[in-house]
C-alpha cells in the first residue's frame, strides 16, 4: 500500500505541477483574449439572463437557473471553507490573489465549457439531453479524438467517488463528530437516506433541490462571513495589503505560520482555486447540457457566473475572514482554520456556523457530483448503468463517512486533475467555434441562437 501511495503521490505532484497550472491559466487566458474579455465585461448580462432563466426557455430537463444551481451545488463546498484555508496556510495570504486570477480567467473557461456542452449535446435513449466534455470531444472534434472523450469519462467516473462522494461524506462526519458529538456511522446512514431521496429521482429532482438549497446556503454563509468582516473592519485594509504584497514577495514566518515562497502562493492559490470553482475540470458543463435554454451562448453567459460567485464572492469572504481575524498565523489548517477565524470573531457560535455550513455544502456537492459521475458512466456503458451507479453511489457514502480517506483523497485529487487535461485540449481546439458563436450572438442582439444539440461541424 505504501508503494501505491508513493506512486500516486508522484503522479499527483506532476499533474498538479507547473505544467498543469500553466495549462489551466493559459487556456483560460487564451479564451479571455479570444473573447475580448467578454466574460468579465458581460457579468451584468449574465446576471440578467440568470434572473430570467428561472423558467425554462427551450428544450432540456431543467431550467437554466437550476442548471447553474446544480453546478454550484458541486462547486460551493469544502473548497470554499477548507480549500481556501489550506491555500492560505500553505501559500500565505498571497494565495488568495492567485485564486482571484484563476477565477477571472476561469470565467472564460467555464463560459466556453457551457457553450460547447449545449452546442454538442445529444439525446440519450431515455429522451434526456446529455453533454459535457466527452460529447463535445466526440461531436466537435470527430472520431480521431474519440479516445480523449473516453479518457475524460473514465477519469470522471472514478474521481467522482472520491472528490464528490467519500471526501465530502468524511468531511461531514468528522465536523459533526467534533462539534456535536454525532457518531460517524449515524451520520453516514443519514447522509445515505437523504442522498437516496434526491438522486434516485434523477437530474430533475437534483436540480429542484439545488435550486432551493444552494441559494439559501450561499446567502446564509455570505451574511455570516460579512458579519465576521464587519467585526474585523479595522483590519480589512491591512489584510488586502498582505494579499497583494505576498502574491509577489515571499511571506515571512509569523506565529504558527511557517512562511511561504511566491511559488507556493501561486501553486496553492491556483490549485485550490480550481478545486473550488472547477473551471477547466469539465464537470460543470455536464449539468449545463441539461438546461432548457435558448442556445449555447445564453447558457454560457449564465454558466460563467458560477466561477464568479464561487471564488470572487464566497472564497474571498472566507480568505479575508481568515486573514483579517489574524487566524492565519495560528498554525491551524483546513476547515479548522476557517472555524477558528469565525470563532475568534463570533465566540461560542462561529465554530458551529462553520460546522453546519460545511455539512450542507458537502451534502449538495454529493448531489451534484452524483450526476456528473453517472453521466460519465452512461457515456461509457449506456443508460442501463444509471440505476446501478446510483445505488453504488449511495452505498459508498457510508464507507466515506466512516473510513480513513488519506489515500482516497490523494487518488481523487490526482484523477480530478487528469480530467482537466482532455477537457482543456478540447476547449483550445474548439475555441474558434466558441468565438464564432459568441460574435454571431452579440452581432444579432442575442437573436441568432439555436437551441443546441446540433451535429458536429
Protein backbone atom coordinates (compact mmCIF):
# COMPACT_ATOMS: atom_id res chain seq x y z
CA UNK A 1 0.00 0.00 0.00
CA UNK A 2 2.89 2.34 0.77
CA UNK A 3 4.32 1.74 -2.70
CA UNK A 4 0.95 2.51 -4.32
CA UNK A 5 0.63 5.62 -2.19
CA UNK A 6 4.09 6.76 -3.32
CA UNK A 7 3.29 6.13 -7.00
CA UNK A 8 0.01 8.07 -6.86
CA UNK A 9 1.73 10.82 -4.87
CA UNK A 10 4.42 11.14 -7.55
CA UNK A 11 1.76 11.35 -10.29
CA UNK A 12 -0.14 13.93 -8.24
CA UNK A 13 2.92 16.17 -7.96
CA UNK A 14 3.21 16.07 -11.77
CA UNK A 15 -0.45 16.61 -12.70
CA UNK A 16 -0.78 19.46 -10.19
CA UNK A 17 2.69 20.77 -11.02
CA UNK A 18 3.79 23.76 -13.10
CA UNK A 19 2.65 22.34 -16.45
CA UNK A 20 -0.93 21.80 -15.27
CA UNK A 21 -1.16 25.23 -13.69
CA UNK A 22 0.23 26.81 -16.87
CA UNK A 23 -2.27 24.79 -18.95
CA UNK A 24 -5.25 25.85 -16.81
CA UNK A 25 -4.27 29.52 -16.67
CA UNK A 26 -3.00 29.51 -20.26
CA UNK A 27 -6.17 28.12 -21.84
CA UNK A 28 -8.32 30.42 -19.70
CA UNK A 29 -6.29 33.49 -20.66
CA UNK A 30 -6.26 32.43 -24.33
CA UNK A 31 -10.08 32.18 -24.27
CA UNK A 32 -10.42 35.53 -22.44
CA UNK A 33 -8.29 37.26 -25.08
CA UNK A 34 -10.09 35.48 -27.94
CA UNK A 35 -13.43 36.57 -26.50
CA UNK A 36 -12.05 40.11 -25.97
CA UNK A 37 -12.64 39.78 -22.19
CA UNK A 38 -16.39 39.47 -22.80
CA UNK A 39 -16.95 37.17 -19.75
CA UNK A 40 -15.65 39.90 -17.43
CA UNK A 41 -17.30 42.79 -19.27
CA UNK A 42 -20.67 41.00 -19.55
CA UNK A 43 -21.14 39.89 -15.93
CA UNK A 44 -24.24 42.12 -15.74
CA UNK A 45 -25.71 40.44 -18.82
CA UNK A 46 -25.12 37.06 -17.21
CA UNK A 47 -26.97 38.01 -14.02
CA UNK A 48 -29.84 39.43 -16.09
CA UNK A 49 -30.15 36.15 -18.01
CA UNK A 50 -29.90 34.19 -14.75
CA UNK A 51 -32.86 36.11 -13.30
CA UNK A 52 -34.87 35.46 -16.46
CA UNK A 53 -33.73 31.82 -16.55
CA UNK A 54 -35.70 30.69 -13.54
CA UNK A 55 -38.16 29.22 -16.04
CA UNK A 56 -37.03 27.04 -18.94
CA UNK A 57 -36.99 28.66 -22.38
CA UNK A 58 -36.10 25.77 -24.68
CA UNK A 59 -35.50 22.03 -24.85
CA UNK A 60 -33.92 20.30 -21.86
CA UNK A 61 -34.74 18.83 -18.44
CA UNK A 62 -34.09 21.70 -16.01
CA UNK A 63 -34.27 25.49 -16.10
CA UNK A 64 -31.09 27.50 -16.85
CA UNK A 65 -31.23 28.76 -13.24
CA UNK A 66 -31.40 25.22 -11.81
CA UNK A 67 -28.60 24.12 -14.15
CA UNK A 68 -26.36 26.79 -12.59
CA UNK A 69 -27.53 25.84 -9.09
CA UNK A 70 -26.72 22.18 -9.80
CA UNK A 71 -23.29 23.26 -10.98
CA UNK A 72 -22.84 25.46 -7.90
CA UNK A 73 -24.07 22.64 -5.65
CA UNK A 74 -20.97 20.71 -6.72
CA UNK A 75 -18.55 23.65 -6.56
CA UNK A 76 -19.63 25.54 -3.44
CA UNK A 77 -18.42 23.01 -0.92
CA UNK A 78 -15.40 22.07 1.12
CA UNK A 79 -13.21 24.03 -1.31
CA UNK A 80 -14.78 27.29 -0.13
CA UNK A 81 -14.17 26.54 3.54
CA UNK A 82 -11.32 24.02 3.81
CA UNK A 83 -9.72 24.66 0.40
CA UNK A 84 -9.27 28.41 0.86
CA UNK A 85 -7.90 27.87 4.35
CA UNK A 86 -5.44 25.25 3.08
CA UNK A 87 -4.27 27.62 0.33
CA UNK A 88 -3.63 30.42 2.85
CA UNK A 89 -1.97 28.01 5.31
CA UNK A 90 0.44 26.61 2.70
CA UNK A 91 0.87 29.63 0.42
CA UNK A 92 0.28 32.61 2.72
CA UNK A 93 -2.17 35.49 2.14
CA UNK A 94 -0.85 35.92 -1.42
CA UNK A 95 -2.55 32.65 -2.38
CA UNK A 96 -5.91 34.49 -2.28
CA UNK A 97 -4.70 36.84 -5.05
CA UNK A 98 -3.86 33.88 -7.28
CA UNK A 99 -7.27 32.36 -6.55
CA UNK A 100 -8.78 35.59 -7.89
CA UNK A 101 -6.63 35.42 -11.04
CA UNK A 102 -7.68 31.80 -11.56
CA UNK A 103 -11.32 32.84 -11.29
CA UNK A 104 -11.01 35.74 -13.74
CA UNK A 105 -9.52 33.55 -16.47
CA UNK A 106 -11.71 30.66 -15.32
CA UNK A 107 -14.84 32.62 -16.19
CA UNK A 108 -13.85 32.35 -19.86
CA UNK A 109 -13.12 28.65 -19.45
CA UNK A 110 -16.49 27.98 -17.78
CA UNK A 111 -18.26 30.04 -20.47
CA UNK A 112 -16.61 28.02 -23.26
CA UNK A 113 -17.41 24.72 -21.49
CA UNK A 114 -21.12 25.51 -21.32
CA UNK A 115 -21.26 26.82 -24.91
CA UNK A 116 -19.69 23.58 -26.17
CA UNK A 117 -21.85 21.46 -23.85
CA UNK A 118 -25.11 22.86 -25.26
CA UNK A 119 -23.82 23.08 -28.85
CA UNK A 120 -22.79 19.42 -29.00
CA UNK A 121 -25.22 17.76 -26.59
CA UNK A 122 -27.22 14.68 -27.56
CA UNK A 123 -30.44 12.94 -26.55
CA UNK A 124 -29.99 9.57 -24.87
CA UNK A 125 -32.28 6.51 -25.11
CA UNK A 126 -34.49 7.95 -22.35
CA UNK A 127 -35.03 11.18 -24.28
CA UNK A 128 -32.87 13.26 -21.93
CA UNK A 129 -30.23 15.72 -23.10
CA UNK A 130 -26.70 14.65 -22.20
CA UNK A 131 -23.48 16.57 -22.75
CA UNK A 132 -20.14 17.60 -21.38
CA UNK A 133 -16.52 17.18 -22.47
CA UNK A 134 -16.94 13.57 -23.65
CA UNK A 135 -19.73 14.65 -26.00
CA UNK A 136 -18.16 17.84 -27.32
CA UNK A 137 -14.97 15.91 -27.94
CA UNK A 138 -16.89 13.21 -29.85
CA UNK A 139 -19.24 15.53 -31.78
CA UNK A 140 -17.00 18.57 -32.08
CA UNK A 141 -13.58 17.05 -32.74
CA UNK A 142 -14.59 13.87 -34.56
CA UNK A 143 -13.71 10.16 -34.44
CA UNK A 144 -9.92 10.58 -34.29
CA UNK A 145 -10.28 12.29 -30.90
CA UNK A 146 -12.83 9.80 -29.51
CA UNK A 147 -10.25 8.25 -27.19
CA UNK A 148 -9.86 11.60 -25.45
CA UNK A 149 -13.59 11.64 -24.60
CA UNK A 150 -13.35 8.09 -23.25
CA UNK A 151 -10.37 9.11 -21.09
CA UNK A 152 -12.30 12.04 -19.64
CA UNK A 153 -15.35 9.88 -18.87
CA UNK A 154 -13.19 7.22 -17.22
CA UNK A 155 -11.31 9.72 -15.05
CA UNK A 156 -14.58 11.49 -14.17
CA UNK A 157 -16.48 8.33 -13.23
CA UNK A 158 -13.76 7.20 -10.81
CA UNK A 159 -12.80 10.65 -9.48
CA UNK A 160 -16.43 11.37 -8.61
CA UNK A 161 -16.42 8.66 -5.92
CA UNK A 162 -13.52 10.35 -4.18
CA UNK A 163 -13.82 14.10 -4.66
CA UNK A 164 -17.63 14.17 -4.83
CA UNK A 165 -18.58 11.32 -2.51
CA UNK A 166 -16.13 9.85 0.00
CA UNK A 167 -14.23 13.05 0.77
CA UNK A 168 -17.46 15.03 1.21
CA UNK A 169 -19.14 12.40 3.41
CA UNK A 170 -15.99 12.12 5.51
CA UNK A 171 -15.87 15.89 5.93
CA UNK A 172 -19.46 15.99 7.18
CA UNK A 173 -18.95 13.04 9.54
CA UNK A 174 -15.76 14.47 11.05
CA UNK A 175 -17.06 18.01 11.56
CA UNK A 176 -20.34 16.83 13.12
CA UNK A 177 -18.48 14.45 15.45
CA UNK A 178 -16.02 17.18 16.52
CA UNK A 179 -18.66 19.86 17.12
CA UNK A 180 -21.80 17.98 18.12
CA UNK A 181 -20.55 14.52 19.14
CA UNK A 182 -22.50 12.71 16.40
CA UNK A 183 -21.38 9.14 15.70
CA UNK A 184 -19.81 8.87 12.22
CA UNK A 185 -21.83 5.72 11.44
CA UNK A 186 -25.09 7.52 12.20
CA UNK A 187 -24.03 10.45 10.03
CA UNK A 188 -23.20 8.01 7.22
CA UNK A 189 -26.64 6.39 7.35
CA UNK A 190 -28.48 9.74 7.47
CA UNK A 191 -26.46 11.02 4.50
CA UNK A 192 -27.28 7.83 2.57
CA UNK A 193 -31.02 8.27 3.16
CA UNK A 194 -31.05 11.98 2.27
CA UNK A 195 -28.97 11.41 -0.85
CA UNK A 196 -31.12 8.48 -2.00
CA UNK A 197 -34.27 10.59 -1.63
CA UNK A 198 -32.83 13.06 -4.14
CA UNK A 199 -30.63 11.28 -6.68
CA UNK A 200 -32.96 8.36 -7.38
CA UNK A 201 -35.22 10.97 -8.98
CA UNK A 202 -32.53 11.96 -11.50
CA UNK A 203 -31.47 15.42 -12.69
CA UNK A 204 -34.97 16.91 -12.41
CA UNK A 205 -35.09 16.28 -8.66
CA UNK A 206 -31.41 17.17 -8.15
CA UNK A 207 -31.99 20.46 -9.99
CA UNK A 208 -35.13 21.21 -7.95
CA UNK A 209 -33.36 20.60 -4.62
CA UNK A 210 -30.24 22.52 -5.71
CA UNK A 211 -32.41 25.41 -6.92
CA UNK A 212 -33.77 25.86 -3.38
CA UNK A 213 -30.89 24.78 -1.14
CA UNK A 214 -27.91 26.38 -2.92
CA UNK A 215 -29.20 30.00 -2.91
CA UNK A 216 -30.24 29.65 0.75
CA UNK A 217 -26.96 28.19 1.99
CA UNK A 218 -24.84 30.55 -0.11
CA UNK A 219 -26.63 33.68 1.09
CA UNK A 220 -26.57 32.48 4.71
CA UNK A 221 -22.81 31.82 4.56
CA UNK A 222 -22.13 35.15 2.83
CA UNK A 223 -24.10 37.01 5.54
CA UNK A 224 -22.19 35.21 8.32
CA UNK A 225 -18.89 35.93 6.57
CA UNK A 226 -19.71 39.59 6.06
CA UNK A 227 -20.53 39.82 9.77
CA UNK A 228 -17.06 38.49 10.58
CA UNK A 229 -15.53 41.04 8.19
CA UNK A 230 -17.59 43.82 9.76
CA UNK A 231 -16.30 42.87 13.20
CA UNK A 232 -12.74 42.99 11.82
CA UNK A 233 -13.33 46.01 9.56
CA UNK A 234 -10.35 47.86 11.02
CA UNK A 235 -8.07 45.06 9.74
CA UNK A 236 -9.50 44.73 6.21
CA UNK A 237 -7.10 47.28 4.68
CA UNK A 238 -4.10 45.50 6.22
CA UNK A 239 -5.48 42.12 5.10
CA UNK A 240 -5.77 43.31 1.48
CA UNK A 241 -2.26 44.75 1.70
CA UNK A 242 -0.95 41.32 2.79
CA UNK A 243 -2.80 39.63 -0.09
CA UNK A 244 -1.26 41.86 -2.77
CA UNK A 245 2.18 42.07 -1.15
CA UNK A 246 2.62 38.34 -0.61
CA UNK A 247 1.31 37.50 -4.10
CA UNK A 248 4.68 38.70 -5.44
CA UNK A 249 7.08 38.53 -2.46
CA UNK A 250 7.82 35.66 -0.06
CA UNK A 251 5.67 35.70 3.09
CA UNK A 252 7.73 35.58 6.27
CA UNK A 253 7.09 33.15 9.11
CA UNK A 254 4.70 34.60 11.65
CA UNK A 255 3.13 32.96 14.71
CA UNK A 256 2.21 29.41 13.75
CA UNK A 257 2.63 30.18 10.04
CA UNK A 258 5.88 28.75 8.68
CA UNK A 259 6.29 31.22 5.82
CA UNK A 260 5.96 30.57 2.08
CA UNK A 261 7.73 31.32 -1.19
CA UNK A 262 5.97 33.14 -4.03
CA UNK A 263 5.78 29.87 -5.96
CA UNK A 264 3.80 28.35 -3.07
CA UNK A 265 1.33 31.24 -3.19
CA UNK A 266 0.85 30.71 -6.93
CA UNK A 267 0.71 26.92 -6.80
CA UNK A 268 -1.72 26.59 -3.91
CA UNK A 269 -3.78 29.61 -4.94
CA UNK A 270 -4.32 28.25 -8.44
CA UNK A 271 -4.76 24.60 -7.39
CA UNK A 272 -7.23 25.36 -4.59
CA UNK A 273 -8.98 27.91 -6.81
CA UNK A 274 -9.55 25.29 -9.49
CA UNK A 275 -10.56 22.75 -6.84
CA UNK A 276 -13.17 25.21 -5.60
CA UNK A 277 -14.68 26.58 -8.83
CA UNK A 278 -13.82 23.61 -11.10
CA UNK A 279 -13.23 25.88 -14.12
CA UNK A 280 -11.38 23.74 -16.66
CA UNK A 281 -12.07 20.39 -15.00
CA UNK A 282 -15.05 19.75 -17.28
CA UNK A 283 -17.55 18.81 -14.57
CA UNK A 284 -19.92 21.81 -14.68
CA UNK A 285 -20.79 21.57 -18.42
CA UNK A 286 -22.35 18.16 -17.74
CA UNK A 287 -25.06 19.95 -15.72
CA UNK A 288 -25.41 22.87 -18.14
CA UNK A 289 -26.02 20.46 -21.04
CA UNK A 290 -29.38 19.55 -19.46
CA UNK A 291 -30.63 23.16 -19.38
CA UNK A 292 -33.85 24.27 -21.07
CA UNK A 293 -32.03 27.11 -22.79
CA UNK A 294 -32.47 29.25 -25.88
CA UNK A 295 -29.00 28.30 -27.03
CA UNK A 296 -25.29 27.77 -26.27
CA UNK A 297 -24.27 31.39 -25.65
CA UNK A 298 -27.26 32.08 -23.39
CA UNK A 299 -26.26 29.18 -21.15
CA UNK A 300 -22.57 30.09 -21.35
CA UNK A 301 -23.29 33.59 -20.00
CA UNK A 302 -25.16 32.02 -17.07
CA UNK A 303 -22.55 29.30 -16.50
CA UNK A 304 -19.63 31.73 -16.16
CA UNK A 305 -21.35 33.25 -13.12
CA UNK A 306 -20.64 30.03 -11.23
CA UNK A 307 -16.92 30.84 -11.14
CA UNK A 308 -17.57 34.46 -10.18
CA UNK A 309 -19.96 33.55 -7.33
CA UNK A 310 -17.86 30.67 -6.05
CA UNK A 311 -14.43 32.30 -5.98
CA UNK A 312 -14.71 36.08 -6.30
CA UNK A 313 -17.52 36.24 -3.73
CA UNK A 314 -17.60 33.17 -1.44
CA UNK A 315 -13.88 32.26 -1.39
CA UNK A 316 -12.92 35.92 -0.93
CA UNK A 317 -15.13 36.18 2.15
CA UNK A 318 -13.53 33.06 3.66
CA UNK A 319 -9.99 34.16 2.83
CA UNK A 320 -10.39 37.72 4.10
CA UNK A 321 -12.09 36.45 7.28
CA UNK A 322 -9.08 34.20 7.96
CA UNK A 323 -6.53 36.96 7.27
CA UNK A 324 -8.30 39.93 8.88
CA UNK A 325 -9.05 37.98 12.08
CA UNK A 326 -5.37 37.04 12.42
CA UNK A 327 -6.25 33.34 12.43
CA UNK A 328 -3.89 32.63 9.51
CA UNK A 329 -0.89 32.76 11.88
CA UNK A 330 -2.46 30.30 14.37
CA UNK A 331 -0.93 27.16 12.85
CA UNK A 332 -4.36 25.65 12.11
CA UNK A 333 -5.15 24.39 8.61
CA UNK A 334 -8.13 23.33 6.52
CA UNK A 335 -11.65 23.63 7.89
CA UNK A 336 -10.23 24.00 11.41
CA UNK A 337 -8.56 27.28 10.35
CA UNK A 338 -11.80 28.74 8.96
CA UNK A 339 -13.65 27.57 12.06
CA UNK A 340 -11.00 29.24 14.25
CA UNK A 341 -11.36 32.52 12.31
CA UNK A 342 -15.13 32.57 12.75
CA UNK A 343 -14.87 31.53 16.42
CA UNK A 344 -12.43 34.40 17.13
CA UNK A 345 -14.96 36.89 15.74
CA UNK A 346 -18.16 35.17 16.88
CA UNK A 347 -17.24 33.41 20.15
CA UNK A 348 -19.48 30.50 21.06
CA UNK A 349 -21.25 30.27 17.69
CA UNK A 350 -18.59 30.76 14.97
CA UNK A 351 -17.36 27.18 15.08
CA UNK A 352 -20.89 25.78 14.97
CA UNK A 353 -21.76 28.00 11.99
CA UNK A 354 -18.85 26.58 10.02
CA UNK A 355 -19.77 23.02 11.03
CA UNK A 356 -23.34 23.48 9.75
CA UNK A 357 -22.24 25.32 6.59
CA UNK A 358 -19.65 22.67 5.77
CA UNK A 359 -22.22 19.90 6.26
CA UNK A 360 -24.78 21.48 3.93
CA UNK A 361 -22.14 22.45 1.36
CA UNK A 362 -20.73 18.92 1.33
CA UNK A 363 -24.20 17.34 1.03
CA UNK A 364 -25.05 19.40 -2.05
CA UNK A 365 -21.64 18.55 -3.52
CA UNK A 366 -22.54 14.86 -3.15
CA UNK A 367 -25.75 15.52 -5.11
CA UNK A 368 -24.06 17.48 -7.91
CA UNK A 369 -21.19 15.04 -8.37
CA UNK A 370 -23.54 12.05 -8.40
CA UNK A 371 -24.98 13.46 -11.63
CA UNK A 372 -21.53 14.14 -13.10
CA UNK A 373 -20.35 10.62 -12.32
CA UNK A 374 -23.43 8.90 -13.67
CA UNK A 375 -23.25 10.81 -16.99
CA UNK A 376 -19.61 9.73 -17.38
CA UNK A 377 -20.65 6.12 -16.75
CA UNK A 378 -23.62 6.46 -19.14
CA UNK A 379 -21.24 7.64 -21.86
CA UNK A 380 -19.10 4.53 -21.31
CA UNK A 381 -21.76 1.87 -20.61
CA UNK A 382 -25.15 3.27 -21.69
CA UNK A 383 -28.36 4.11 -19.80
CA UNK A 384 -28.60 0.63 -18.28
CA UNK A 385 -25.76 1.62 -15.96
CA UNK A 386 -27.60 4.58 -14.37
CA UNK A 387 -29.54 2.86 -11.59
CA UNK A 388 -26.72 0.50 -10.51
CA UNK A 389 -24.39 3.52 -10.40
CA UNK A 390 -26.82 5.49 -8.22
CA UNK A 391 -27.17 2.57 -5.80
CA UNK A 392 -23.39 2.14 -5.60
CA UNK A 393 -23.05 5.90 -5.06
CA UNK A 394 -25.43 5.77 -2.08
CA UNK A 395 -23.64 2.76 -0.53
CA UNK A 396 -20.20 4.38 -0.87
CA UNK A 397 -21.34 7.37 1.19
CA UNK A 398 -21.35 5.19 4.32
CA UNK A 399 -17.79 3.99 3.72
CA UNK A 400 -16.67 7.54 3.04
CA UNK A 401 -18.19 8.76 6.30
CA UNK A 402 -16.57 6.05 8.43
CA UNK A 403 -13.21 5.29 6.75
CA UNK A 404 -9.74 6.85 6.78
CA UNK A 405 -9.57 8.58 3.42
CA UNK A 406 -5.93 9.63 3.18
CA UNK A 407 -5.23 7.56 0.05
CA UNK A 408 -8.71 8.08 -1.44
CA UNK A 409 -8.25 11.85 -1.19
CA UNK A 410 -4.86 11.62 -2.93
CA UNK A 411 -6.22 9.39 -5.72
CA UNK A 412 -9.31 11.55 -6.25
CA UNK A 413 -7.25 14.75 -6.32
CA UNK A 414 -4.96 13.15 -8.93
CA UNK A 415 -7.82 11.93 -11.15
CA UNK A 416 -9.53 15.31 -10.75
CA UNK A 417 -6.52 16.97 -12.36
CA UNK A 418 -6.37 14.30 -15.07
CA UNK A 419 -9.98 15.15 -16.02
CA UNK A 420 -8.81 18.64 -16.88
CA UNK A 421 -6.25 17.56 -19.49
CA UNK A 422 -8.68 16.16 -22.14
CA UNK A 423 -11.12 18.97 -21.42
CA UNK A 424 -8.59 21.79 -21.82
CA UNK A 425 -7.24 20.28 -25.05
CA UNK A 426 -10.80 20.11 -26.43
CA UNK A 427 -11.59 23.71 -25.41
CA UNK A 428 -8.43 25.00 -27.10
CA UNK A 429 -9.27 23.15 -30.32
CA UNK A 430 -12.95 24.20 -30.26
CA UNK A 431 -12.20 27.83 -29.35
CA UNK A 432 -12.77 29.12 -32.93
CA UNK A 433 -16.34 27.79 -32.81
CA UNK A 434 -16.93 29.31 -29.34
CA UNK A 435 -15.66 32.69 -30.55
CA UNK A 436 -17.72 32.46 -33.78
CA UNK A 437 -20.96 31.65 -31.90
CA UNK A 438 -20.28 34.49 -29.46
CA UNK A 439 -19.71 37.06 -32.23
CA UNK A 440 -22.91 35.98 -34.02
CA UNK A 441 -24.89 36.17 -30.78
CA UNK A 442 -23.89 39.72 -29.89
CA UNK A 443 -23.97 40.91 -33.52
CA UNK A 444 -27.63 39.87 -33.72
CA UNK A 445 -28.53 41.28 -30.31
CA UNK A 446 -28.90 37.77 -28.92
CA UNK A 447 -31.43 36.63 -31.53
CA UNK A 448 -29.35 34.20 -33.62
CA UNK A 449 -29.24 31.36 -31.10
CA UNK A 450 -30.10 27.77 -31.99
CA UNK A 451 -31.17 25.52 -29.11
CA UNK A 452 -28.12 23.27 -29.34
CA UNK A 453 -27.81 19.58 -29.96
CA UNK A 454 -26.58 20.29 -33.49
CA UNK A 455 -24.31 17.78 -35.27
CA UNK A 456 -20.56 18.29 -35.50
CA UNK A 457 -19.43 20.95 -37.94
